[in-house]
Amino acid sequence: MDFNYFLTLLVFSPLLGILLLAFMPKVNESGIKMLGVLATLPSLILALIAYFSYRGGNDLANFSEKFRWIQFGGQGAEQSGMFSVNYELGIDGFGLIMVVLTAVIATLAAIASFHIKKEWKGYYMLFLLLEIGMLGVFTSQNLILFFLFFEITLIPMFFLIGKWGYYEKEKAAYSFLIYNGLGSAILLIVIMVLFARTGTSNIEMLSVMMNSENAQMFAPVSESLKMGLLIALLVAFGVKLPIFPLHSWMLRVHVEAPPSIVMIHSGILLKIGAFGLIRFGMGIFPEQFAELAVLLAVLGVINLLYGAFLAFIQTDFKMVLAYSSISHMGIVLIGLGALNEAGIQGAIFQVVSHGLISALLFFLVGVLYERTHTTTLANLGGMAKGMPLASGFLLAGAMASLGLPGMSGFVSEFMAFLGLFEEMPVLAAVGTIGIIMTAVYLLRAVLAITYGNAEREFAGVTDIRSFEWAPVLVLIGLIVLIGVYPAVLSEPLQATLETIMMGIGG
């Protein structure tokens, strides 16, 4: 099968939706919403074709694309290929999984966006631009192209939060932009230093050069400089993940952004931080990454405990889920800090698992808010009487999040902690307190909403509607599928894990 331009079509297919929306009358609400959802489907279909094509035996290298793009330097540089930036797209097993996750959540978030009340045309155009940026991030094969797509995600997110968010939406939007802008600036410095010293921004070539004593470079990269660049990457992607204490901006976004956008933010955008640490931190600087393993594991346990304990004392369900995201991202760091195959696989599983679970929970938050106009726990008691189906799905999402066996959260948490117990058993034992607290704060919040007493009555409130069934059933289906059949993720990841383990000497 010919896969020429396949990834370009996959990444840029939402552009067709943007162009069609530009010519659609602003007042045509139903047409705009329908087109907004349909415009996400080509990327989803192509992502699924890529996944099943790979499962059918096709090599992922067949999807690669490379074209001459930007050239720096004179004739000699052009002939040698140095100081040239190519348009390079490609996917490995990890990238394939992230592309499928992005395409699925984007389509479901587009459906969830039916709850948006105003200026649907501008909303969906920005939404589709955001999807292009996310898909580009996970398919880029050089750092400069990665950075450009990374920046594309910031612009629409700023406007989607600032215009369609809630009471303090402008403050949340600027907080998002400032923190992520600083992270981007640090990332750009790292990219420019590497490009200036090696003459390339290709991720695979950089990985070879940084780990070969005989690599030809324009200027040497000392061990101390490598460590400095890795720490800079840790900060840049730590803002995105987020790692404590770089997390305060994320809380505002989770609370003030529309739930459909938080599905994207929590489900995909936070995962770019983990993707960057694994792809660039482990891939380009494996020896230095191994030296920081204990620090990462400690930061992971801090994230896990800090997020869990603060989630327990929150009175607003959005804040419970926001701190829960911080806590669950700690499990990613724990897995990476273990620096063995079980830990790293657990970290990647957690990236996917939390993406699905958080998207489900924030979708249900949107359903609740649309009917009650509140997310305060004290005002939501007794939901099970008027919305039994939504209550059941909410409990299912909470069970997945706290790691119930048979759901994706259990697989990821088990593997991450298995990896850490092998290397740092004392730290892992401390971290298990966070797992216990996860069950405590989630059950406290969900039971307060479903069976607690409240001033308001849920009588006459509509339960799950027709268009709301698709996101709920798809997300719960995928969460259970990964929980009972983890091979859907582990098989594509095998080659990626082998490459990582060879790099770090495992």
Protein backbone atom coordinates (compact mmCIF):
# COMPACT_ATOMS: atom_id res chain seq x y z
CA MET A 1 0.00 0.00 0.00
CA ASP A 2 1.29 3.48 -0.91
CA PHE A 3 1.46 5.81 2.10
CA ASN A 4 2.91 8.89 0.35
CA TYR A 5 1.59 12.08 1.96
CA PHE A 6 -0.50 9.95 4.36
CA LEU A 7 0.67 11.77 7.50
CA THR A 8 0.39 15.18 5.82
CA LEU A 9 -3.24 14.39 5.00
CA LEU A 10 -3.81 13.15 8.55
CA VAL A 11 -2.30 16.25 10.18
CA PHE A 12 -3.78 18.89 7.89
CA SER A 13 -7.19 17.38 7.09
CA PRO A 14 -8.93 19.64 9.70
CA LEU A 15 -7.84 22.56 7.49
CA LEU A 16 -10.61 21.64 5.03
CA GLY A 17 -13.14 22.10 7.84
CA ILE A 18 -11.67 25.50 8.68
CA LEU A 19 -12.01 26.62 5.04
CA LEU A 20 -15.62 25.38 4.79
CA LEU A 21 -16.54 27.02 8.09
CA ALA A 22 -15.11 30.33 6.84
CA PHE A 23 -17.83 30.44 4.15
CA MET A 24 -20.70 29.32 6.39
CA PRO A 25 -23.14 31.94 7.76
CA LYS A 26 -22.57 32.71 11.45
CA VAL A 27 -26.24 32.21 12.31
CA ASN A 28 -26.37 28.61 11.03
CA GLU A 29 -25.81 27.03 14.47
CA SER A 30 -26.74 23.42 13.65
CA GLY A 31 -24.78 23.43 10.36
CA ILE A 32 -21.65 24.84 12.02
CA LYS A 33 -21.77 22.31 14.86
CA MET A 34 -22.32 19.41 12.46
CA LEU A 35 -19.48 20.55 10.19
CA GLY A 36 -17.23 21.06 13.21
CA VAL A 37 -17.66 17.41 14.19
CA LEU A 38 -17.45 16.07 10.62
CA ALA A 39 -14.18 17.97 10.05
CA THR A 40 -12.51 15.89 12.79
CA LEU A 41 -13.51 12.58 11.22
CA PRO A 42 -10.92 12.39 8.37
CA SER A 43 -8.06 12.55 10.89
CA LEU A 44 -9.76 9.94 13.06
CA ILE A 45 -10.33 7.59 10.09
CA LEU A 46 -6.73 8.01 8.87
CA ALA A 47 -5.35 7.46 12.40
CA LEU A 48 -7.35 4.23 12.71
CA ILE A 49 -6.20 3.11 9.24
CA ALA A 50 -2.58 3.67 10.36
CA TYR A 51 -3.14 1.72 13.57
CA PHE A 52 -4.85 -1.28 11.97
CA SER A 53 -2.40 -1.20 9.05
CA TYR A 54 0.43 -1.52 11.57
CA ARG A 55 -1.38 -4.32 13.43
CA GLY A 56 -1.78 -6.01 10.04
CA GLY A 57 1.99 -6.12 9.51
CA ASN A 58 2.86 -2.84 7.77
CA ASP A 59 6.10 -1.18 8.90
CA LEU A 60 5.60 2.27 10.42
CA ALA A 61 8.65 3.45 8.45
CA ASN A 62 6.42 3.31 5.35
CA PHE A 63 4.51 6.33 6.68
CA SER A 64 7.61 8.57 6.79
CA GLU A 65 7.79 11.73 4.65
CA LYS A 66 10.81 13.94 4.03
CA PHE A 67 11.21 17.04 1.84
CA ARG A 68 13.83 19.78 1.64
CA TRP A 69 12.42 22.84 3.41
CA ILE A 70 14.81 25.47 4.85
CA GLN A 71 18.56 25.74 4.18
CA PHE A 72 21.06 27.72 6.26
CA GLY A 73 24.69 28.26 5.25
CA GLY A 74 26.43 28.16 1.88
CA GLN A 75 27.09 25.63 -0.86
CA GLY A 76 29.09 23.27 1.35
CA ALA A 77 26.38 23.11 3.96
CA GLU A 78 23.77 22.43 1.30
CA GLN A 79 25.76 19.55 -0.20
CA SER A 80 26.44 17.98 3.19
CA GLY A 81 22.85 18.43 4.33
CA MET A 82 24.02 20.25 7.43
CA PHE A 83 22.12 23.28 8.75
CA SER A 84 19.09 22.27 6.73
CA VAL A 85 15.62 21.89 8.21
CA ASN A 86 13.53 19.35 6.38
CA TYR A 87 9.78 18.85 6.44
CA GLU A 88 9.84 15.44 8.13
CA LEU A 89 6.83 13.52 9.39
CA GLY A 90 6.85 10.00 10.76
CA ILE A 91 5.57 7.83 13.59
CA ASP A 92 6.88 5.13 15.86
CA GLY A 93 4.70 3.00 18.14
CA PHE A 94 4.41 5.69 20.82
CA GLY A 95 3.63 8.39 18.24
CA LEU A 96 1.00 6.15 16.62
CA ILE A 97 -0.80 5.66 19.93
CA MET A 98 -0.72 9.39 20.68
CA VAL A 99 -2.07 10.24 17.21
CA VAL A 100 -4.99 7.81 17.67
CA LEU A 101 -5.66 9.18 21.18
CA THR A 102 -5.61 12.76 19.85
CA ALA A 103 -7.95 11.99 16.95
CA VAL A 104 -10.43 10.13 19.17
CA ILE A 105 -10.57 12.76 21.92
CA ALA A 106 -10.74 15.62 19.36
CA THR A 107 -13.84 14.09 17.74
CA LEU A 108 -15.52 13.46 21.10
CA ALA A 109 -14.63 16.96 22.36
CA ALA A 110 -16.12 18.40 19.16
CA ILE A 111 -19.38 16.61 20.04
CA ALA A 112 -19.12 17.88 23.64
CA SER A 113 -18.79 21.39 22.19
CA PHE A 114 -22.50 21.32 21.30
CA HIS A 115 -22.93 22.85 24.78
CA ILE A 116 -21.13 26.02 23.65
CA LYS A 117 -23.66 28.88 23.65
CA LYS A 118 -22.18 31.57 21.39
CA GLU A 119 -20.06 32.30 18.30
CA TRP A 120 -19.85 28.70 17.18
CA LYS A 121 -18.10 29.52 13.91
CA GLY A 122 -15.02 31.09 15.50
CA TYR A 123 -14.98 28.41 18.19
CA TYR A 124 -14.85 25.48 15.77
CA MET A 125 -12.29 27.14 13.50
CA LEU A 126 -9.95 27.58 16.47
CA PHE A 127 -10.76 24.07 17.68
CA LEU A 128 -9.71 22.55 14.34
CA LEU A 129 -6.52 24.64 14.26
CA LEU A 130 -5.73 23.26 17.71
CA GLU A 131 -6.18 19.71 16.39
CA ILE A 132 -3.72 20.38 13.55
CA GLY A 133 -1.13 21.53 16.10
CA MET A 134 -1.61 18.47 18.32
CA LEU A 135 -1.40 15.97 15.45
CA GLY A 136 1.70 17.74 14.11
CA VAL A 137 3.45 17.55 17.49
CA PHE A 138 3.16 13.76 17.63
CA THR A 139 4.26 13.17 14.01
CA SER A 140 7.18 15.65 13.72
CA GLN A 141 10.57 14.06 13.12
CA ASN A 142 12.70 17.13 13.77
CA LEU A 143 12.80 19.52 16.69
CA ILE A 144 12.10 22.72 14.75
CA LEU A 145 8.97 21.29 13.13
CA PHE A 146 7.93 19.96 16.56
CA PHE A 147 8.39 23.43 18.03
CA LEU A 148 6.28 25.08 15.30
CA PHE A 149 3.39 22.68 15.84
CA PHE A 150 3.81 23.07 19.61
CA GLU A 151 3.39 26.84 19.22
CA ILE A 152 0.33 26.35 16.99
CA THR A 153 -1.42 24.67 19.94
CA LEU A 154 -0.86 27.70 22.20
CA ILE A 155 -2.63 30.32 20.06
CA PRO A 156 -6.08 28.69 19.67
CA MET A 157 -6.02 27.48 23.29
CA PHE A 158 -5.47 31.06 24.50
CA PHE A 159 -8.55 32.29 22.63
CA LEU A 160 -10.70 29.23 23.40
CA ILE A 161 -10.10 29.75 27.12
CA GLY A 162 -10.25 33.54 27.07
CA LYS A 163 -13.45 33.89 25.02
CA TRP A 164 -15.56 30.82 25.80
CA GLY A 165 -14.48 30.20 29.40
CA TYR A 166 -16.18 31.13 32.68
CA TYR A 167 -15.88 33.94 35.23
CA GLU A 168 -12.08 34.43 35.37
CA LYS A 169 -11.45 33.23 31.82
CA GLU A 170 -9.09 36.08 30.83
CA LYS A 171 -6.89 35.50 33.87
CA ALA A 172 -6.78 31.76 33.11
CA ALA A 173 -5.95 32.40 29.43
CA TYR A 174 -3.08 34.77 30.21
CA SER A 175 -1.78 32.44 32.91
CA PHE A 176 -1.80 29.60 30.36
CA LEU A 177 -0.01 31.73 27.77
CA ILE A 178 2.67 33.11 30.12
CA TYR A 179 3.64 29.78 31.71
CA ASN A 180 3.57 27.84 28.43
CA GLY A 181 5.29 30.71 26.62
CA LEU A 182 8.18 30.58 29.11
CA GLY A 183 8.34 26.82 28.67
CA SER A 184 8.44 27.30 24.89
CA ALA A 185 11.24 29.88 25.18
CA ILE A 186 13.38 27.43 27.19
CA LEU A 187 12.62 24.67 24.66
CA LEU A 188 13.63 26.97 21.78
CA ILE A 189 16.98 27.72 23.46
CA VAL A 190 17.68 23.98 23.76
CA ILE A 191 16.76 23.42 20.09
CA MET A 192 18.95 26.29 18.89
CA VAL A 193 21.97 25.13 20.92
CA LEU A 194 21.65 21.61 19.54
CA PHE A 195 21.14 22.89 15.99
CA ALA A 196 24.11 25.24 16.16
CA ARG A 197 26.46 22.58 17.52
CA THR A 198 25.37 19.59 15.43
CA GLY A 199 24.03 21.16 12.22
CA THR A 200 20.84 19.12 12.36
CA SER A 201 17.45 19.16 14.09
CA ASN A 202 16.52 15.61 13.06
CA ILE A 203 15.59 13.70 16.23
CA GLU A 204 17.10 10.39 15.12
CA MET A 205 20.39 11.98 14.02
CA LEU A 206 20.61 13.99 17.26
CA SER A 207 20.12 10.80 19.25
CA VAL A 208 23.00 9.14 17.38
CA MET A 209 25.29 12.19 17.63
CA MET A 210 24.73 12.77 21.35
CA ASN A 211 25.58 9.14 22.11
CA SER A 212 28.52 8.55 19.78
CA GLU A 213 32.10 9.51 20.60
CA ASN A 214 33.06 9.76 16.91
CA ALA A 215 30.12 11.88 15.72
CA GLN A 216 31.10 14.82 13.51
CA MET A 217 29.77 18.08 14.96
CA PHE A 218 30.49 21.75 14.38
CA ALA A 219 31.24 22.26 18.06
CA PRO A 220 31.65 19.73 20.86
CA VAL A 221 28.86 19.13 23.34
CA SER A 222 30.38 18.48 26.75
CA GLU A 223 28.82 16.21 29.37
CA SER A 224 27.98 19.22 31.54
CA LEU A 225 26.28 20.96 28.59
CA LYS A 226 24.26 17.81 27.89
CA MET A 227 23.11 17.77 31.50
CA GLY A 228 22.24 21.46 31.33
CA LEU A 229 20.21 20.93 28.15
CA LEU A 230 18.37 17.98 29.72
CA ILE A 231 17.51 20.02 32.84
CA ALA A 232 16.23 22.80 30.55
CA LEU A 233 14.07 20.22 28.74
CA LEU A 234 12.80 18.97 32.10
CA VAL A 235 11.71 22.50 33.01
CA ALA A 236 10.20 23.22 29.56
CA PHE A 237 8.14 20.03 29.50
CA GLY A 238 7.63 20.12 33.28
CA VAL A 239 5.52 23.26 32.82
CA LYS A 240 3.34 21.38 30.37
CA LEU A 241 3.04 18.14 32.35
CA PRO A 242 2.85 19.89 34.95
CA ILE A 243 5.46 19.12 37.62
CA PHE A 244 5.10 20.70 41.07
CA PRO A 245 5.68 23.66 41.60
CA LEU A 246 5.04 24.65 37.95
CA HIS A 247 1.36 23.69 38.14
CA SER A 248 -0.69 26.72 39.28
CA TRP A 249 -1.62 27.83 35.73
CA MET A 250 -3.15 24.42 35.03
CA LEU A 251 -5.61 24.68 37.93
CA ARG A 252 -7.04 27.91 36.51
CA VAL A 253 -7.43 26.39 33.04
CA HIS A 254 -9.22 23.30 34.39
CA VAL A 255 -11.69 25.46 36.31
CA GLU A 256 -12.28 28.35 33.89
CA ALA A 257 -12.08 26.76 30.41
CA PRO A 258 -15.18 25.16 28.83
CA PRO A 259 -15.37 21.42 29.69
CA SER A 260 -14.98 20.44 26.02
CA ILE A 261 -11.66 22.33 25.90
CA VAL A 262 -10.55 20.83 29.22
CA MET A 263 -11.15 17.41 27.64
CA ILE A 264 -8.53 18.37 25.04
CA HIS A 265 -6.25 20.09 27.56
CA SER A 266 -6.23 17.36 30.18
CA GLY A 267 -6.57 14.51 27.70
CA ILE A 268 -3.92 15.57 25.16
CA LEU A 269 -2.04 18.82 25.81
CA LEU A 270 -0.69 17.84 29.24
CA LYS A 271 0.57 14.63 27.63
CA ILE A 272 2.84 16.61 25.29
CA GLY A 273 5.02 17.19 28.37
CA ALA A 274 5.35 13.45 28.98
CA PHE A 275 5.84 12.79 25.25
CA GLY A 276 8.66 15.36 25.12
CA LEU A 277 10.43 13.95 28.17
CA ILE A 278 10.32 10.42 26.76
CA ARG A 279 11.06 11.28 23.13
CA PHE A 280 13.73 13.95 23.62
CA GLY A 281 14.92 13.54 27.22
CA MET A 282 15.33 9.76 27.10
CA GLY A 283 15.99 9.59 23.37
CA ILE A 284 18.67 12.28 22.99
CA PHE A 285 20.24 12.32 26.47
CA PRO A 286 19.81 8.76 27.85
CA GLU A 287 22.94 8.77 30.05
CA GLN A 288 22.10 12.11 31.65
CA PHE A 289 18.47 11.03 32.03
CA ALA A 290 19.63 7.99 34.02
CA GLU A 291 21.53 10.32 36.37
CA LEU A 292 18.30 12.26 37.05
CA ALA A 293 16.19 9.12 37.58
CA VAL A 294 16.03 9.45 41.38
CA LEU A 295 15.08 13.14 41.09
CA LEU A 296 12.27 12.29 38.67
CA ALA A 297 10.95 9.54 40.94
CA VAL A 298 11.00 11.91 43.95
CA LEU A 299 9.21 14.62 41.93
CA GLY A 300 6.67 11.99 40.85
CA VAL A 301 5.91 10.98 44.43
CA ILE A 302 5.63 14.67 45.43
CA ASN A 303 3.19 15.27 42.55
CA LEU A 304 1.20 12.18 43.48
CA LEU A 305 0.88 13.04 47.19
CA TYR A 306 0.47 16.81 46.77
CA GLY A 307 -2.30 16.44 44.19
CA ALA A 308 -4.08 13.71 46.17
CA PHE A 309 -4.10 15.51 49.53
CA LEU A 310 -5.24 18.83 48.03
CA ALA A 311 -7.93 17.11 45.94
CA PHE A 312 -9.34 15.69 49.19
CA ILE A 313 -10.08 19.13 50.69
CA GLN A 314 -11.66 20.75 47.60
CA THR A 315 -15.31 21.80 47.60
CA ASP A 316 -15.62 22.20 43.81
CA PHE A 317 -15.66 19.12 41.58
CA LYS A 318 -13.56 20.82 38.88
CA MET A 319 -10.83 21.53 41.44
CA VAL A 320 -10.97 17.91 42.63
CA LEU A 321 -10.32 16.76 39.05
CA ALA A 322 -7.65 19.45 38.49
CA TYR A 323 -5.61 18.29 41.49
CA SER A 324 -6.32 14.71 40.47
CA SER A 325 -4.62 15.41 37.12
CA ILE A 326 -1.53 16.72 38.94
CA SER A 327 -1.53 13.60 41.12
CA HIS A 328 -1.91 11.22 38.18
CA MET A 329 0.87 12.90 36.21
CA GLY A 330 3.08 12.02 39.17
CA ILE A 331 2.61 8.36 38.20
CA VAL A 332 4.12 9.17 34.77
CA LEU A 333 7.21 10.62 36.49
CA ILE A 334 7.38 7.62 38.87
CA GLY A 335 7.41 5.25 35.90
CA LEU A 336 10.10 7.22 34.07
CA GLY A 337 12.19 7.52 37.24
CA ALA A 338 12.15 3.73 37.68
CA LEU A 339 14.16 3.55 34.45
CA ASN A 340 13.24 -0.05 33.69
CA GLU A 341 10.92 -1.57 31.12
CA ALA A 342 7.98 -2.06 33.49
CA GLY A 343 8.18 1.52 34.77
CA ILE A 344 8.54 3.16 31.37
CA GLN A 345 5.72 1.06 29.92
CA GLY A 346 3.58 2.00 32.93
CA ALA A 347 4.35 5.69 32.35
CA ILE A 348 3.26 5.49 28.71
CA PHE A 349 0.15 3.52 29.65
CA GLN A 350 -0.66 6.21 32.23
CA VAL A 351 -0.35 8.90 29.55
CA VAL A 352 -3.01 7.15 27.45
CA SER A 353 -5.16 5.95 30.35
CA HIS A 354 -5.36 9.34 32.08
CA GLY A 355 -6.09 10.98 28.71
CA LEU A 356 -9.20 8.83 28.30
CA ILE A 357 -10.32 8.95 31.94
CA SER A 358 -9.91 12.72 32.35
CA ALA A 359 -11.72 13.31 29.04
CA LEU A 360 -14.64 11.19 30.33
CA LEU A 361 -14.81 12.93 33.71
CA PHE A 362 -14.65 16.43 32.25
CA PHE A 363 -17.28 15.53 29.66
CA LEU A 364 -19.57 14.54 32.55
CA VAL A 365 -18.67 17.81 34.32
CA GLY A 366 -19.89 19.62 31.20
CA VAL A 367 -23.13 17.60 31.22
CA LEU A 368 -23.68 18.45 34.89
CA TYR A 369 -22.87 22.14 34.52
CA GLU A 370 -25.10 22.53 31.46
CA ARG A 371 -28.08 21.37 33.54
CA THR A 372 -27.30 22.80 37.00
CA HIS A 373 -24.91 25.74 36.36
CA THR A 374 -22.81 24.69 39.32
CA THR A 375 -19.95 22.29 40.08
CA THR A 376 -19.87 22.85 43.84
CA LEU A 377 -20.13 19.52 45.64
CA ALA A 378 -22.58 20.83 48.24
CA ASN A 379 -25.02 21.94 45.51
CA LEU A 380 -24.95 18.70 43.52
CA GLY A 381 -26.11 16.18 46.12
CA GLY A 382 -28.81 13.68 45.13
CA MET A 383 -27.89 13.53 41.44
CA ALA A 384 -28.61 9.78 41.35
CA LYS A 385 -32.36 10.44 41.73
CA GLY A 386 -32.74 12.66 38.69
CA MET A 387 -29.77 11.53 36.55
CA PRO A 388 -29.15 7.84 37.31
CA LEU A 389 -27.32 7.11 34.03
CA ALA A 390 -24.95 10.07 34.35
CA SER A 391 -24.35 9.09 37.99
CA GLY A 392 -23.44 5.56 36.94
CA PHE A 393 -21.00 6.78 34.29
CA LEU A 394 -19.48 9.23 36.79
CA LEU A 395 -18.89 6.39 39.25
CA ALA A 396 -17.38 4.27 36.44
CA GLY A 397 -14.98 7.10 35.57
CA ALA A 398 -13.98 7.47 39.21
CA MET A 399 -13.40 3.71 39.52
CA ALA A 400 -11.13 3.81 36.46
CA SER A 401 -9.24 6.79 37.88
CA LEU A 402 -8.58 5.13 41.23
CA GLY A 403 -7.25 2.01 39.52
CA LEU A 404 -10.04 -0.57 39.64
CA PRO A 405 -8.83 -3.88 38.10
CA GLY A 406 -10.29 -4.42 34.64
CA MET A 407 -9.89 -0.74 33.73
CA SER A 408 -6.95 1.09 32.16
CA GLY A 409 -5.96 2.95 35.34
CA PHE A 410 -5.10 -0.31 37.11
CA VAL A 411 -2.73 -1.49 34.36
CA SER A 412 -0.79 1.79 34.20
CA GLU A 413 -0.49 2.27 37.98
CA PHE A 414 0.46 -1.36 38.58
CA MET A 415 3.28 -1.30 36.00
CA ALA A 416 4.64 2.10 37.08
CA PHE A 417 4.78 1.06 40.75
CA LEU A 418 6.13 -2.39 39.87
CA GLY A 419 9.01 -0.65 38.11
CA LEU A 420 9.66 1.68 41.06
CA PHE A 421 9.47 -1.13 43.66
CA GLU A 422 12.23 -2.91 41.73
CA GLU A 423 14.57 0.09 41.93
CA MET A 424 13.50 2.23 44.93
CA PRO A 425 11.20 0.21 47.21
CA VAL A 426 11.13 2.76 50.06
CA LEU A 427 10.09 5.61 47.75
CA ALA A 428 7.51 3.36 46.11
CA ALA A 429 6.04 2.47 49.51
CA VAL A 430 5.65 6.19 50.30
CA GLY A 431 4.01 6.70 46.91
CA THR A 432 1.34 4.09 47.60
CA ILE A 433 -0.17 6.51 50.13
CA GLY A 434 -1.14 8.64 47.11
CA ILE A 435 -2.92 5.65 45.52
CA ILE A 436 -4.92 5.14 48.72
CA MET A 437 -5.75 8.86 48.87
CA THR A 438 -6.94 8.73 45.24
CA ALA A 439 -9.67 6.28 46.24
CA VAL A 440 -10.57 8.46 49.23
CA TYR A 441 -10.95 11.81 47.44
CA LEU A 442 -12.68 10.40 44.35
CA LEU A 443 -15.23 8.36 46.27
CA ARG A 444 -15.83 11.28 48.64
CA ALA A 445 -16.56 13.62 45.72
CA VAL A 446 -18.64 11.17 43.64
CA LEU A 447 -20.73 9.98 46.59
CA ALA A 448 -21.32 13.60 47.67
CA ILE A 449 -22.62 14.36 44.16
CA THR A 450 -24.72 11.24 43.64
CA TYR A 451 -26.16 10.58 47.11
CA GLY A 452 -25.41 13.65 49.24
CA ASN A 453 -28.00 16.16 50.43
CA ALA A 454 -28.36 19.45 48.56
CA GLU A 455 -30.62 22.47 48.50
CA ARG A 456 -31.51 21.96 44.85
CA GLU A 457 -33.68 19.17 43.46
CA PHE A 458 -32.76 17.04 40.43
CA ALA A 459 -36.39 16.24 39.66
CA GLY A 460 -37.18 17.05 36.02
CA VAL A 461 -33.51 17.35 35.04
CA THR A 462 -32.73 15.58 31.75
CA ASP A 463 -30.37 12.61 31.96
CA ILE A 464 -27.85 11.74 29.20
CA ARG A 465 -29.16 13.05 25.85
CA SER A 466 -28.82 11.56 22.38
CA PHE A 467 -25.60 13.28 21.25
CA GLU A 468 -24.02 12.80 24.71
CA TRP A 469 -24.09 9.01 24.44
CA ALA A 470 -21.25 8.77 21.91
CA PRO A 471 -18.46 10.34 24.03
CA VAL A 472 -19.50 8.45 27.16
CA LEU A 473 -19.74 5.01 25.53
CA VAL A 474 -16.60 5.38 23.39
CA LEU A 475 -14.44 6.56 26.29
CA ILE A 476 -15.69 3.92 28.74
CA GLY A 477 -15.32 1.27 26.01
CA LEU A 478 -11.67 2.22 25.41
CA ILE A 479 -10.92 2.40 29.16
CA VAL A 480 -12.27 -1.13 29.65
CA LEU A 481 -10.62 -2.43 26.46
CA ILE A 482 -7.16 -1.33 27.63
CA GLY A 483 -7.90 -2.69 31.10
CA VAL A 484 -8.82 -6.21 29.93
CA TYR A 485 -6.63 -6.36 26.79
CA PRO A 486 -3.49 -4.23 27.34
CA ALA A 487 -1.90 -5.66 24.19
CA VAL A 488 -3.73 -3.00 22.14
CA LEU A 489 -1.09 -0.60 23.55
CA SER A 490 1.81 -2.87 24.51
CA GLU A 491 2.30 -4.38 21.05
CA PRO A 492 2.81 -1.05 19.20
CA LEU A 493 5.02 0.14 22.09
CA GLN A 494 7.38 -2.84 22.04
CA ALA A 495 9.84 -1.46 19.46
CA THR A 496 9.83 1.97 21.16
CA LEU A 497 10.56 0.39 24.56
CA GLU A 498 13.41 -1.69 23.12
CA THR A 499 14.98 1.43 21.62
CA ILE A 500 14.69 3.33 24.91
CA MET A 501 16.13 0.45 26.96
CA MET A 502 19.09 0.09 24.58
CA GLY A 503 19.76 3.83 24.92
CA ILE A 504 19.77 3.83 28.72
CA GLY A 505 21.70 0.55 28.85
CA GLY A 506 18.81 -1.54 30.20
